[in-house]
Amino acid sequence: FENRALVVGDQTKNPGVPSDIINLNNSAVAKGLKGNYESAIIDFRQAYNAAPQCLECGYNLATSLFRTNNFSESAKIFTELVKAKPDYAMAFSGLGDALYAEGKFTESVAAYQRSLELLPDSAPTLNNRGVVLQAAGDHEQALPQLHDRRVRHSCWNASDASSPLAPRHGRIRGAQLLDRLPGGGSRPGHGLQLRGARE
């Protein structure tokens, strides 16, 4: 998974959210950035329960739950967020991550698709949708999806250095990626990773 950043709250963008809730969210972000997710989850949960309209609080709670392998609860919170704000593209993308982690490929692809309808050029979401299609065995749709993402953004940043897709020297270009796919295509377990889910 690529980094899915925690979101710092901004009082000017959340006029209905009390400043103490924004401050609690932001202090929890600092804990999360230090890897203290258990403590951050407590604070995010407190902030989100006190002010469900604080979308950053819910997003951060769901993201942190995902990072601690609480996929079902993460999916539940992301679902609440997209119901509260049906145009919240990043929450749909996070929901796709959580559903994929639960093995719900069809639902995951649908969540990514909705995210892409709202934010068509989201590189992590484009990649993640391709990875899920690949894992589900739909190689025909997956490879062009991954190819389109690479061409649009001209880079690949795999975190698994042992992967045949991992760059030898920093980033690799889209054409180099396609040349390095095992057997001209990719298979689950051969270094393709979801992007956007952890810090």
C-alpha atoms as a PDB file:
ATOM      1  CA  PHE A   1       0.000   0.000   0.000  1.00  0.00           C
ATOM      2  CA  GLU A   2       1.183   3.485  -0.776  1.00  0.00           C
ATOM      3  CA  ASN A   3       0.906   6.213   1.776  1.00  0.00           C
ATOM      4  CA  ARG A   4      -2.593   7.469   2.519  1.00  0.00           C
ATOM      5  CA  ALA A   5      -1.928  10.642   4.473  1.00  0.00           C
ATOM      6  CA  LEU A   6      -3.733  11.591   7.626  1.00  0.00           C
ATOM      7  CA  VAL A   7      -5.576  14.885   7.211  1.00  0.00           C
ATOM      8  CA  VAL A   8      -5.023  17.929   9.393  1.00  0.00           C
ATOM      9  CA  GLY A   9      -8.254  19.740  10.189  1.00  0.00           C
ATOM     10  CA  ASP A  10      -8.738  23.402   9.356  1.00  0.00           C
ATOM     11  CA  GLN A  11     -11.229  25.495  11.328  1.00  0.00           C
ATOM     12  CA  THR A  12     -11.935  27.752   8.322  1.00  0.00           C
ATOM     13  CA  LYS A  13     -13.054  24.720   6.273  1.00  0.00           C
ATOM     14  CA  ASN A  14     -15.102  23.332   9.170  1.00  0.00           C
ATOM     15  CA  PRO A  15     -16.975  26.310  10.639  1.00  0.00           C
ATOM     16  CA  GLY A  16     -19.521  24.059  12.387  1.00  0.00           C
ATOM     17  CA  VAL A  17     -16.879  21.949  14.130  1.00  0.00           C
ATOM     18  CA  PRO A  18     -15.730  23.207  17.543  1.00  0.00           C
ATOM     19  CA  SER A  19     -12.085  24.245  17.656  1.00  0.00           C
ATOM     20  CA  ASP A  20     -11.333  21.776  20.468  1.00  0.00           C
ATOM     21  CA  ILE A  21     -12.406  18.929  18.137  1.00  0.00           C
ATOM     22  CA  ILE A  22     -10.152  20.240  15.353  1.00  0.00           C
ATOM     23  CA  ASN A  23      -7.305  20.486  17.868  1.00  0.00           C
ATOM     24  CA  LEU A  24      -7.943  16.927  19.111  1.00  0.00           C
ATOM     25  CA  ASN A  25      -7.919  15.669  15.509  1.00  0.00           C
ATOM     26  CA  ASN A  26      -4.676  17.503  14.775  1.00  0.00           C
ATOM     27  CA  SER A  27      -2.927  16.212  17.904  1.00  0.00           C
ATOM     28  CA  ALA A  28      -4.023  12.686  16.927  1.00  0.00           C
ATOM     29  CA  VAL A  29      -2.532  13.244  13.455  1.00  0.00           C
ATOM     30  CA  ALA A  30       0.789  14.031  15.145  1.00  0.00           C
ATOM     31  CA  LYS A  31       0.546  10.760  17.112  1.00  0.00           C
ATOM     32  CA  GLY A  32      -0.235   8.850  13.927  1.00  0.00           C
ATOM     33  CA  LEU A  33       2.719  10.393  12.134  1.00  0.00           C
ATOM     34  CA  LYS A  34       4.920   9.022  14.914  1.00  0.00           C
ATOM     35  CA  GLY A  35       3.390   5.560  14.432  1.00  0.00           C
ATOM     36  CA  ASN A  36       1.344   5.668  17.640  1.00  0.00           C
ATOM     37  CA  TYR A  37      -1.883   4.560  15.940  1.00  0.00           C
ATOM     38  CA  GLU A  38      -3.522   2.988  18.992  1.00  0.00           C
ATOM     39  CA  SER A  39      -3.436   6.305  20.863  1.00  0.00           C
ATOM     40  CA  ALA A  40      -4.366   8.234  17.716  1.00  0.00           C
ATOM     41  CA  ILE A  41      -7.400   5.970  17.172  1.00  0.00           C
ATOM     42  CA  ILE A  42      -8.674   6.775  20.675  1.00  0.00           C
ATOM     43  CA  ASP A  43      -8.452  10.505  19.939  1.00  0.00           C
ATOM     44  CA  PHE A  44      -9.871  10.253  16.403  1.00  0.00           C
ATOM     45  CA  ARG A  45     -12.774   8.180  17.729  1.00  0.00           C
ATOM     46  CA  GLN A  46     -13.458  10.719  20.481  1.00  0.00           C
ATOM     47  CA  ALA A  47     -13.365  13.590  17.972  1.00  0.00           C
ATOM     48  CA  TYR A  48     -15.549  11.795  15.407  1.00  0.00           C
ATOM     49  CA  ASN A  49     -18.112  10.706  18.004  1.00  0.00           C
ATOM     50  CA  ALA A  50     -18.311  14.250  19.387  1.00  0.00           C
ATOM     51  CA  ALA A  51     -18.579  15.851  15.934  1.00  0.00           C
ATOM     52  CA  PRO A  52     -19.612  13.424  13.163  1.00  0.00           C
ATOM     53  CA  GLN A  53     -19.672  16.390  10.779  1.00  0.00           C
ATOM     54  CA  CYS A  54     -15.876  16.535  11.123  1.00  0.00           C
ATOM     55  CA  LEU A  55     -15.103  14.514   8.007  1.00  0.00           C
ATOM     56  CA  GLU A  56     -11.355  14.712   8.601  1.00  0.00           C
ATOM     57  CA  CYS A  57     -11.871  13.103  12.011  1.00  0.00           C
ATOM     58  CA  GLY A  58     -13.794  10.207  10.467  1.00  0.00           C
ATOM     59  CA  TYR A  59     -11.370   9.850   7.572  1.00  0.00           C
ATOM     60  CA  ASN A  60      -8.404   9.757   9.944  1.00  0.00           C
ATOM     61  CA  LEU A  61     -10.164   7.256  12.210  1.00  0.00           C
ATOM     62  CA  ALA A  62     -10.952   4.947   9.276  1.00  0.00           C
ATOM     63  CA  THR A  63      -7.418   5.294   7.867  1.00  0.00           C
ATOM     64  CA  SER A  64      -5.826   4.533  11.236  1.00  0.00           C
ATOM     65  CA  LEU A  65      -8.119   1.548  11.773  1.00  0.00           C
ATOM     66  CA  PHE A  66      -7.017   0.259   8.374  1.00  0.00           C
ATOM     67  CA  ARG A  67      -3.363   0.659   9.326  1.00  0.00           C
ATOM     68  CA  THR A  68      -3.945  -1.460  12.428  1.00  0.00           C
ATOM     69  CA  ASN A  69      -5.673  -4.179  10.365  1.00  0.00           C
ATOM     70  CA  ASN A  70      -9.177  -3.360  11.630  1.00  0.00           C
ATOM     71  CA  PHE A  71     -10.516  -3.593   8.085  1.00  0.00           C
ATOM     72  CA  SER A  72     -14.167  -4.217   8.931  1.00  0.00           C
ATOM     73  CA  GLU A  73     -14.445  -1.203  11.230  1.00  0.00           C
ATOM     74  CA  SER A  74     -12.459   0.875   8.748  1.00  0.00           C
ATOM     75  CA  ALA A  75     -14.952  -0.039   6.005  1.00  0.00           C
ATOM     76  CA  LYS A  76     -17.842   0.823   8.341  1.00  0.00           C
ATOM     77  CA  ILE A  77     -16.465   4.318   9.039  1.00  0.00           C
ATOM     78  CA  PHE A  78     -15.636   4.969   5.376  1.00  0.00           C
ATOM     79  CA  THR A  79     -19.210   3.898   4.521  1.00  0.00           C
ATOM     80  CA  GLU A  80     -20.590   6.385   7.059  1.00  0.00           C
ATOM     81  CA  LEU A  81     -18.455   9.113   5.479  1.00  0.00           C
ATOM     82  CA  VAL A  82     -19.617   8.477   1.910  1.00  0.00           C
ATOM     83  CA  LYS A  83     -23.239   8.400   3.079  1.00  0.00           C
ATOM     84  CA  ALA A  84     -22.741  11.739   4.838  1.00  0.00           C
ATOM     85  CA  LYS A  85     -20.877  13.256   1.862  1.00  0.00           C
ATOM     86  CA  PRO A  86     -21.627  11.368  -1.376  1.00  0.00           C
ATOM     87  CA  ASP A  87     -18.975  13.350  -3.284  1.00  0.00           C
ATOM     88  CA  TYR A  88     -16.107  12.475  -0.891  1.00  0.00           C
ATOM     89  CA  ALA A  89     -13.777  10.849  -3.422  1.00  0.00           C
ATOM     90  CA  MET A  90     -10.982   9.980  -0.997  1.00  0.00           C
ATOM     91  CA  ALA A  91     -13.420   8.272   1.378  1.00  0.00           C
ATOM     92  CA  PHE A  92     -14.644   6.120  -1.527  1.00  0.00           C
ATOM     93  CA  SER A  93     -11.019   5.265  -2.305  1.00  0.00           C
ATOM     94  CA  GLY A  94     -10.360   4.365   1.340  1.00  0.00           C
ATOM     95  CA  LEU A  95     -13.515   2.253   1.327  1.00  0.00           C
ATOM     96  CA  GLY A  96     -12.153   0.421  -1.713  1.00  0.00           C
ATOM     97  CA  ASP A  97      -8.934  -0.309   0.199  1.00  0.00           C
ATOM     98  CA  ALA A  98     -10.798  -1.655   3.232  1.00  0.00           C
ATOM     99  CA  LEU A  99     -13.174  -3.783   1.150  1.00  0.00           C
ATOM    100  CA  TYR A 100     -10.241  -5.228  -0.794  1.00  0.00           C
ATOM    101  CA  ALA A 101      -8.494  -6.118   2.474  1.00  0.00           C
ATOM    102  CA  GLU A 102     -11.664  -7.976   3.492  1.00  0.00           C
ATOM    103  CA  GLY A 103     -11.606  -9.916   0.210  1.00  0.00           C
ATOM    104  CA  LYS A 104     -14.684  -8.151  -1.199  1.00  0.00           C
ATOM    105  CA  PHE A 105     -13.304  -7.544  -4.688  1.00  0.00           C
ATOM    106  CA  THR A 106     -16.559  -6.616  -6.464  1.00  0.00           C
ATOM    107  CA  GLU A 107     -17.533  -4.075  -3.817  1.00  0.00           C
ATOM    108  CA  SER A 108     -13.979  -2.742  -3.745  1.00  0.00           C
ATOM    109  CA  VAL A 109     -13.924  -2.134  -7.504  1.00  0.00           C
ATOM    110  CA  ALA A 110     -17.294  -0.362  -7.243  1.00  0.00           C
ATOM    111  CA  ALA A 111     -15.984   1.947  -4.490  1.00  0.00           C
ATOM    112  CA  TYR A 112     -12.868   2.765  -6.527  1.00  0.00           C
ATOM    113  CA  GLN A 113     -15.016   3.366  -9.591  1.00  0.00           C
ATOM    114  CA  ARG A 114     -17.179   5.871  -7.685  1.00  0.00           C
ATOM    115  CA  SER A 115     -14.031   7.606  -6.424  1.00  0.00           C
ATOM    116  CA  LEU A 116     -12.724   7.840  -9.984  1.00  0.00           C
ATOM    117  CA  GLU A 117     -16.020   9.312 -11.188  1.00  0.00           C
ATOM    118  CA  LEU A 118     -15.492  12.087  -8.646  1.00  0.00           C
ATOM    119  CA  LEU A 119     -11.714  12.440  -9.026  1.00  0.00           C
ATOM    120  CA  PRO A 120     -10.698  10.875 -12.373  1.00  0.00           C
ATOM    121  CA  ASP A 121      -6.958  11.533 -12.179  1.00  0.00           C
ATOM    122  CA  SER A 122      -6.320  10.056  -8.742  1.00  0.00           C
ATOM    123  CA  ALA A 123      -3.179   7.980  -9.344  1.00  0.00           C
ATOM    124  CA  PRO A 124      -3.505   5.850  -6.182  1.00  0.00           C
ATOM    125  CA  THR A 125      -7.160   5.072  -6.911  1.00  0.00           C
ATOM    126  CA  LEU A 126      -6.451   4.218 -10.547  1.00  0.00           C
ATOM    127  CA  ASN A 127      -3.671   1.892  -9.476  1.00  0.00           C
ATOM    128  CA  ASN A 128      -5.664   0.317  -6.652  1.00  0.00           C
ATOM    129  CA  ARG A 129      -8.588  -0.431  -8.939  1.00  0.00           C
ATOM    130  CA  GLY A 130      -6.190  -2.116 -11.360  1.00  0.00           C
ATOM    131  CA  VAL A 131      -4.604  -4.136  -8.560  1.00  0.00           C
ATOM    132  CA  VAL A 132      -8.003  -5.355  -7.342  1.00  0.00           C
ATOM    133  CA  LEU A 133      -9.008  -6.304 -10.885  1.00  0.00           C
ATOM    134  CA  GLN A 134      -5.702  -8.147 -11.182  1.00  0.00           C
ATOM    135  CA  ALA A 135      -6.223  -9.967  -7.871  1.00  0.00           C
ATOM    136  CA  ALA A 136      -9.735 -10.924  -8.960  1.00  0.00           C
ATOM    137  CA  GLY A 137      -8.251 -12.492 -12.089  1.00  0.00           C
ATOM    138  CA  ASP A 138      -9.493  -9.885 -14.560  1.00  0.00           C
ATOM    139  CA  HIS A 139      -6.105  -9.448 -16.248  1.00  0.00           C
ATOM    140  CA  GLU A 140      -7.628  -8.048 -19.427  1.00  0.00           C
ATOM    141  CA  GLN A 141      -9.059  -4.999 -17.643  1.00  0.00           C
ATOM    142  CA  ALA A 142      -6.333  -4.718 -15.012  1.00  0.00           C
ATOM    143  CA  LEU A 143      -3.259  -4.284 -17.182  1.00  0.00           C
ATOM    144  CA  PRO A 144      -4.635  -1.412 -19.294  1.00  0.00           C
ATOM    145  CA  GLN A 145      -5.804   0.239 -16.051  1.00  0.00           C
ATOM    146  CA  LEU A 146      -2.304  -0.025 -14.609  1.00  0.00           C
ATOM    147  CA  HIS A 147      -0.759   1.033 -17.926  1.00  0.00           C
ATOM    148  CA  ASP A 148      -2.987   4.132 -18.136  1.00  0.00           C
ATOM    149  CA  ARG A 149      -1.992   5.122 -14.622  1.00  0.00           C
ATOM    150  CA  ARG A 150       1.708   4.756 -15.405  1.00  0.00           C
ATOM    151  CA  VAL A 151       1.460   6.705 -18.636  1.00  0.00           C
ATOM    152  CA  ARG A 152      -0.442   9.536 -16.946  1.00  0.00           C
ATOM    153  CA  HIS A 153       2.005   9.815 -14.104  1.00  0.00           C
ATOM    154  CA  SER A 154       5.179   8.365 -15.639  1.00  0.00           C
ATOM    155  CA  CYS A 155       6.413   6.701 -12.514  1.00  0.00           C
ATOM    156  CA  TRP A 156       6.213   3.672 -10.274  1.00  0.00           C
ATOM    157  CA  ASN A 157       7.240   3.683  -6.666  1.00  0.00           C
ATOM    158  CA  ALA A 158       6.940   0.089  -5.423  1.00  0.00           C
ATOM    159  CA  SER A 159       7.839  -0.373  -1.788  1.00  0.00           C
ATOM    160  CA  ASP A 160       8.882  -4.009  -2.227  1.00  0.00           C
ATOM    161  CA  ALA A 161      12.493  -3.846  -3.403  1.00  0.00           C
ATOM    162  CA  SER A 162      12.471  -7.575  -4.214  1.00  0.00           C
ATOM    163  CA  SER A 163       9.587  -7.121  -6.628  1.00  0.00           C
ATOM    164  CA  PRO A 164      10.255  -7.418 -10.364  1.00  0.00           C
ATOM    165  CA  LEU A 165       8.447  -4.080 -10.551  1.00  0.00           C
ATOM    166  CA  ALA A 166      10.663  -2.332  -8.026  1.00  0.00           C
ATOM    167  CA  PRO A 167      12.845   0.419  -9.452  1.00  0.00           C
ATOM    168  CA  ARG A 168      16.542  -0.324  -9.736  1.00  0.00           C
ATOM    169  CA  HIS A 169      17.465   3.334  -9.297  1.00  0.00           C
ATOM    170  CA  GLY A 170      14.607   5.388  -7.884  1.00  0.00           C
ATOM    171  CA  ARG A 171      11.548   5.680 -10.091  1.00  0.00           C
ATOM    172  CA  ILE A 172      11.010   3.913 -13.380  1.00  0.00           C
ATOM    173  CA  ARG A 173       9.092   5.159 -16.363  1.00  0.00           C
ATOM    174  CA  GLY A 174       5.818   3.694 -17.621  1.00  0.00           C
ATOM    175  CA  ALA A 175       7.347   1.861 -20.593  1.00  0.00           C
ATOM    176  CA  GLN A 176      10.020   0.323 -18.352  1.00  0.00           C
ATOM    177  CA  LEU A 177       7.308  -0.947 -16.028  1.00  0.00           C
ATOM    178  CA  LEU A 178       5.470  -2.746 -18.787  1.00  0.00           C
ATOM    179  CA  ASP A 179       8.725  -4.357 -19.935  1.00  0.00           C
ATOM    180  CA  ARG A 180       9.337  -5.656 -16.416  1.00  0.00           C
ATOM    181  CA  LEU A 181       5.950  -7.286 -15.841  1.00  0.00           C
ATOM    182  CA  PRO A 182       6.512 -11.042 -15.507  1.00  0.00           C
ATOM    183  CA  GLY A 183       5.554 -12.770 -18.759  1.00  0.00           C
ATOM    184  CA  GLY A 184       4.357  -9.513 -20.285  1.00  0.00           C
ATOM    185  CA  GLY A 185       1.650  -9.195 -17.652  1.00  0.00           C
ATOM    186  CA  SER A 186       1.340  -9.171 -13.911  1.00  0.00           C
ATOM    187  CA  ARG A 187       0.029 -11.720 -11.447  1.00  0.00           C
ATOM    188  CA  PRO A 188      -1.167 -11.377  -7.856  1.00  0.00           C
ATOM    189  CA  GLY A 189       1.710 -11.752  -5.446  1.00  0.00           C
ATOM    190  CA  HIS A 190       4.309 -10.465  -7.894  1.00  0.00           C
ATOM    191  CA  GLY A 191       4.922  -7.068  -6.373  1.00  0.00           C
ATOM    192  CA  LEU A 192       1.772  -5.187  -7.326  1.00  0.00           C
ATOM    193  CA  GLN A 193       0.611  -3.303  -4.303  1.00  0.00           C
ATOM    194  CA  LEU A 194      -2.339  -1.146  -3.443  1.00  0.00           C
ATOM    195  CA  ARG A 195      -1.386   2.479  -3.290  1.00  0.00           C
ATOM    196  CA  GLY A 196      -2.698   5.082  -0.913  1.00  0.00           C
ATOM    197  CA  ALA A 197      -3.429   3.158   2.253  1.00  0.00           C
ATOM    198  CA  ARG A 198      -0.697   3.706   4.786  1.00  0.00           C
ATOM    199  CA  GLU A 199       1.714   6.360   5.824  1.00  0.00           C
END
